[in-house]
Amino acid sequence: MSYPLPKFHFQVEWGGTKIGFQEVSGLDKEFEMLEYREGSSPEYSKINMPGMVKYTDIVLKRGVFKGDNEFFDWMKTNKLNKAERRDITISLLDEEHAPVVVWKVLNAWAKKIQSTDLKGESNEVAIETLTLAHERIEITNEG
């Protein structure tokens, strides 16, 4: 019997560096809809066609580590109309730690960093959130 893949075993890497994350979201690809109706059509409705592709931002969450400023250093490279862009590879792994589904995020740049919230009575790990803008996602399913 074949089972669906669990979503908790994954890795994120850029520039050969593998970085551990607790959560990844925003791996969406959507076609905008174009509507069209030719004036002499006997139908009084429009037809729908696929238009341009749009992607949502990628959101990555991970624990805060002492002395780890990689995200902040990356964001410091942002200037007006200029950013250091990186290709990001996100892989869903099988039980042998081999990539099964791979999302290649192209020309990503650090759009937002959200530091952890602070609570005096909390019993949780400090989590930071990195939001990436990008130009495209290529998806492959190795299965």
C-alpha atoms as a PDB file:
ATOM      1  CA  MET A   1       0.000   0.000   0.000  1.00  0.00           C
ATOM      2  CA  SER A   2       1.218   3.505  -0.824  1.00  0.00           C
ATOM      3  CA  TYR A   3       0.907   6.335   1.699  1.00  0.00           C
ATOM      4  CA  PRO A   4       1.075  10.101   1.216  1.00  0.00           C
ATOM      5  CA  LEU A   5       4.278  11.825   2.244  1.00  0.00           C
ATOM      6  CA  PRO A   6       4.425  13.424   5.694  1.00  0.00           C
ATOM      7  CA  LYS A   7       5.087  17.163   5.610  1.00  0.00           C
ATOM      8  CA  PHE A   8       7.376  17.379   8.641  1.00  0.00           C
ATOM      9  CA  HIS A   9      10.617  16.133   7.016  1.00  0.00           C
ATOM     10  CA  PHE A  10      12.090  18.859   4.802  1.00  0.00           C
ATOM     11  CA  GLN A  11      15.173  20.983   4.214  1.00  0.00           C
ATOM     12  CA  VAL A  12      15.915  24.479   2.926  1.00  0.00           C
ATOM     13  CA  GLU A  13      19.192  25.453   1.291  1.00  0.00           C
ATOM     14  CA  TRP A  14      20.759  28.372  -0.528  1.00  0.00           C
ATOM     15  CA  GLY A  15      24.295  28.771  -1.727  1.00  0.00           C
ATOM     16  CA  GLY A  16      25.136  25.254  -0.568  1.00  0.00           C
ATOM     17  CA  THR A  17      24.137  26.079   3.020  1.00  0.00           C
ATOM     18  CA  LYS A  18      21.382  23.990   4.628  1.00  0.00           C
ATOM     19  CA  ILE A  19      19.409  25.953   7.195  1.00  0.00           C
ATOM     20  CA  GLY A  20      16.944  24.346   9.598  1.00  0.00           C
ATOM     21  CA  PHE A  21      13.442  25.810   9.663  1.00  0.00           C
ATOM     22  CA  GLN A  22      10.400  24.945  11.727  1.00  0.00           C
ATOM     23  CA  GLU A  23       7.914  25.974   9.069  1.00  0.00           C
ATOM     24  CA  VAL A  24       7.758  26.964   5.384  1.00  0.00           C
ATOM     25  CA  SER A  25       4.683  28.394   3.677  1.00  0.00           C
ATOM     26  CA  GLY A  26       3.781  30.281   0.508  1.00  0.00           C
ATOM     27  CA  LEU A  27       4.759  27.654  -2.061  1.00  0.00           C
ATOM     28  CA  ASP A  28       1.876  28.818  -4.257  1.00  0.00           C
ATOM     29  CA  LYS A  29       1.572  29.261  -8.004  1.00  0.00           C
ATOM     30  CA  GLU A  30      -1.590  30.739  -9.473  1.00  0.00           C
ATOM     31  CA  PHE A  31      -2.725  31.825 -12.923  1.00  0.00           C
ATOM     32  CA  GLU A  32      -4.536  35.147 -13.064  1.00  0.00           C
ATOM     33  CA  MET A  33      -7.767  34.923 -15.012  1.00  0.00           C
ATOM     34  CA  LEU A  34      -8.381  36.871 -18.205  1.00  0.00           C
ATOM     35  CA  GLU A  35     -11.938  37.478 -19.359  1.00  0.00           C
ATOM     36  CA  TYR A  36     -12.845  38.104 -22.980  1.00  0.00           C
ATOM     37  CA  ARG A  37     -15.972  38.546 -25.026  1.00  0.00           C
ATOM     38  CA  GLU A  38     -15.996  39.293 -28.720  1.00  0.00           C
ATOM     39  CA  GLY A  39     -18.650  41.925 -29.538  1.00  0.00           C
ATOM     40  CA  SER A  40     -20.637  39.923 -32.072  1.00  0.00           C
ATOM     41  CA  SER A  41     -20.760  36.730 -29.979  1.00  0.00           C
ATOM     42  CA  PRO A  42     -24.280  35.266 -29.689  1.00  0.00           C
ATOM     43  CA  GLU A  43     -23.444  34.367 -26.087  1.00  0.00           C
ATOM     44  CA  TYR A  44     -23.954  37.125 -23.515  1.00  0.00           C
ATOM     45  CA  SER A  45     -21.139  35.947 -21.326  1.00  0.00           C
ATOM     46  CA  LYS A  46     -17.381  36.150 -21.274  1.00  0.00           C
ATOM     47  CA  ILE A  47     -14.913  33.322 -21.752  1.00  0.00           C
ATOM     48  CA  ASN A  48     -12.163  32.740 -19.190  1.00  0.00           C
ATOM     49  CA  MET A  49      -8.529  32.195 -20.136  1.00  0.00           C
ATOM     50  CA  PRO A  50      -5.343  31.683 -18.119  1.00  0.00           C
ATOM     51  CA  GLY A  51      -3.239  34.843 -17.947  1.00  0.00           C
ATOM     52  CA  MET A  52      -0.024  35.733 -16.168  1.00  0.00           C
ATOM     53  CA  VAL A  53       1.327  33.611 -13.344  1.00  0.00           C
ATOM     54  CA  LYS A  54       1.567  35.097  -9.856  1.00  0.00           C
ATOM     55  CA  TYR A  55       3.326  33.786  -6.789  1.00  0.00           C
ATOM     56  CA  THR A  56       2.893  34.536  -3.110  1.00  0.00           C
ATOM     57  CA  ASP A  57       5.738  35.408  -0.763  1.00  0.00           C
ATOM     58  CA  ILE A  58       7.637  32.529   0.857  1.00  0.00           C
ATOM     59  CA  VAL A  59       7.494  32.624   4.667  1.00  0.00           C
ATOM     60  CA  LEU A  60      10.160  30.756   6.671  1.00  0.00           C
ATOM     61  CA  LYS A  61      10.102  30.352  10.464  1.00  0.00           C
ATOM     62  CA  ARG A  62      12.900  29.121  12.684  1.00  0.00           C
ATOM     63  CA  GLY A  63      14.330  29.319  16.178  1.00  0.00           C
ATOM     64  CA  VAL A  64      16.497  32.278  17.171  1.00  0.00           C
ATOM     65  CA  PHE A  65      20.153  31.357  17.813  1.00  0.00           C
ATOM     66  CA  LYS A  66      22.708  33.459  19.673  1.00  0.00           C
ATOM     67  CA  GLY A  67      25.144  35.174  17.286  1.00  0.00           C
ATOM     68  CA  ASP A  68      23.275  34.101  14.120  1.00  0.00           C
ATOM     69  CA  ASN A  69      22.673  37.251  12.081  1.00  0.00           C
ATOM     70  CA  GLU A  70      22.544  35.748   8.579  1.00  0.00           C
ATOM     71  CA  PHE A  71      19.021  36.989   7.829  1.00  0.00           C
ATOM     72  CA  PHE A  72      19.737  40.498   9.105  1.00  0.00           C
ATOM     73  CA  ASP A  73      23.007  40.647   7.140  1.00  0.00           C
ATOM     74  CA  TRP A  74      21.172  39.532   3.997  1.00  0.00           C
ATOM     75  CA  MET A  75      18.490  42.173   4.470  1.00  0.00           C
ATOM     76  CA  LYS A  76      21.143  44.887   4.936  1.00  0.00           C
ATOM     77  CA  THR A  77      22.079  44.386   1.265  1.00  0.00           C
ATOM     78  CA  ASN A  78      18.684  45.810   0.210  1.00  0.00           C
ATOM     79  CA  LYS A  79      18.848  49.277  -1.309  1.00  0.00           C
ATOM     80  CA  LEU A  80      16.390  51.221  -3.458  1.00  0.00           C
ATOM     81  CA  ASN A  81      15.813  49.105  -6.601  1.00  0.00           C
ATOM     82  CA  LYS A  82      18.609  46.720  -5.583  1.00  0.00           C
ATOM     83  CA  ALA A  83      18.755  43.552  -3.514  1.00  0.00           C
ATOM     84  CA  GLU A  84      21.037  40.551  -3.210  1.00  0.00           C
ATOM     85  CA  ARG A  85      19.019  37.786  -4.839  1.00  0.00           C
ATOM     86  CA  ARG A  86      19.447  34.117  -4.052  1.00  0.00           C
ATOM     87  CA  ASP A  87      18.001  30.900  -5.421  1.00  0.00           C
ATOM     88  CA  ILE A  88      16.443  28.844  -2.637  1.00  0.00           C
ATOM     89  CA  THR A  89      15.785  25.091  -2.802  1.00  0.00           C
ATOM     90  CA  ILE A  90      13.098  23.625  -0.541  1.00  0.00           C
ATOM     91  CA  SER A  91      12.864  19.829  -0.518  1.00  0.00           C
ATOM     92  CA  LEU A  92      10.342  17.456   1.007  1.00  0.00           C
ATOM     93  CA  LEU A  93      12.359  14.407   2.065  1.00  0.00           C
ATOM     94  CA  ASP A  94      11.564  10.701   2.238  1.00  0.00           C
ATOM     95  CA  GLU A  95      12.561   8.350   5.062  1.00  0.00           C
ATOM     96  CA  GLU A  96      16.042   7.986   3.509  1.00  0.00           C
ATOM     97  CA  HIS A  97      16.462  11.827   3.614  1.00  0.00           C
ATOM     98  CA  ALA A  98      16.332  11.987  -0.210  1.00  0.00           C
ATOM     99  CA  PRO A  99      14.405  14.820  -1.925  1.00  0.00           C
ATOM    100  CA  VAL A 100      11.033  13.720  -3.267  1.00  0.00           C
ATOM    101  CA  VAL A 101       9.270  17.010  -4.042  1.00  0.00           C
ATOM    102  CA  VAL A 102      11.524  20.001  -4.767  1.00  0.00           C
ATOM    103  CA  TRP A 103      10.564  23.672  -4.987  1.00  0.00           C
ATOM    104  CA  LYS A 104      13.213  25.896  -6.608  1.00  0.00           C
ATOM    105  CA  VAL A 105      12.543  29.503  -5.648  1.00  0.00           C
ATOM    106  CA  LEU A 106      14.316  31.770  -8.120  1.00  0.00           C
ATOM    107  CA  ASN A 107      15.766  35.239  -7.520  1.00  0.00           C
ATOM    108  CA  ALA A 108      14.522  35.543  -3.948  1.00  0.00           C
ATOM    109  CA  TRP A 109      15.346  38.519  -1.748  1.00  0.00           C
ATOM    110  CA  ALA A 110      14.719  39.245   1.919  1.00  0.00           C
ATOM    111  CA  LYS A 111      11.552  41.335   2.046  1.00  0.00           C
ATOM    112  CA  LYS A 112      10.781  41.218   5.781  1.00  0.00           C
ATOM    113  CA  ILE A 113      12.228  39.904   9.009  1.00  0.00           C
ATOM    114  CA  GLN A 114       9.931  39.596  11.988  1.00  0.00           C
ATOM    115  CA  SER A 115      11.618  39.119  15.321  1.00  0.00           C
ATOM    116  CA  THR A 116      10.099  36.938  18.003  1.00  0.00           C
ATOM    117  CA  ASP A 117       7.464  38.226  20.363  1.00  0.00           C
ATOM    118  CA  LEU A 118       8.473  38.381  24.024  1.00  0.00           C
ATOM    119  CA  LYS A 119       6.325  37.100  26.904  1.00  0.00           C
ATOM    120  CA  GLY A 120       7.410  36.938  30.523  1.00  0.00           C
ATOM    121  CA  GLU A 121       5.179  33.940  31.290  1.00  0.00           C
ATOM    122  CA  SER A 122       5.817  32.001  28.081  1.00  0.00           C
ATOM    123  CA  ASN A 123       7.298  28.525  27.859  1.00  0.00           C
ATOM    124  CA  GLU A 124       8.143  28.619  24.141  1.00  0.00           C
ATOM    125  CA  VAL A 125      11.174  28.869  21.887  1.00  0.00           C
ATOM    126  CA  ALA A 126      11.941  32.297  20.370  1.00  0.00           C
ATOM    127  CA  ILE A 127      10.949  32.165  16.677  1.00  0.00           C
ATOM    128  CA  GLU A 128      11.947  34.584  13.917  1.00  0.00           C
ATOM    129  CA  THR A 129      10.150  34.855  10.589  1.00  0.00           C
ATOM    130  CA  LEU A 130      11.740  35.645   7.232  1.00  0.00           C
ATOM    131  CA  THR A 131       9.548  36.688   4.293  1.00  0.00           C
ATOM    132  CA  LEU A 132      11.008  36.330   0.802  1.00  0.00           C
ATOM    133  CA  ALA A 133       9.819  37.952  -2.403  1.00  0.00           C
ATOM    134  CA  HIS A 134      10.810  36.095  -5.566  1.00  0.00           C
ATOM    135  CA  GLU A 135      10.249  35.842  -9.299  1.00  0.00           C
ATOM    136  CA  ARG A 136       9.301  32.214  -9.860  1.00  0.00           C
ATOM    137  CA  ILE A 137       8.914  28.733  -8.378  1.00  0.00           C
ATOM    138  CA  GLU A 138       9.776  25.572 -10.299  1.00  0.00           C
ATOM    139  CA  ILE A 139       8.288  22.395  -8.819  1.00  0.00           C
ATOM    140  CA  THR A 140       9.490  18.842  -9.466  1.00  0.00           C
ATOM    141  CA  ASN A 141       8.117  15.629  -7.994  1.00  0.00           C
ATOM    142  CA  GLU A 142      10.831  12.954  -7.972  1.00  0.00           C
ATOM    143  CA  GLY A 143       8.438  10.144  -7.136  1.00  0.00           C
END
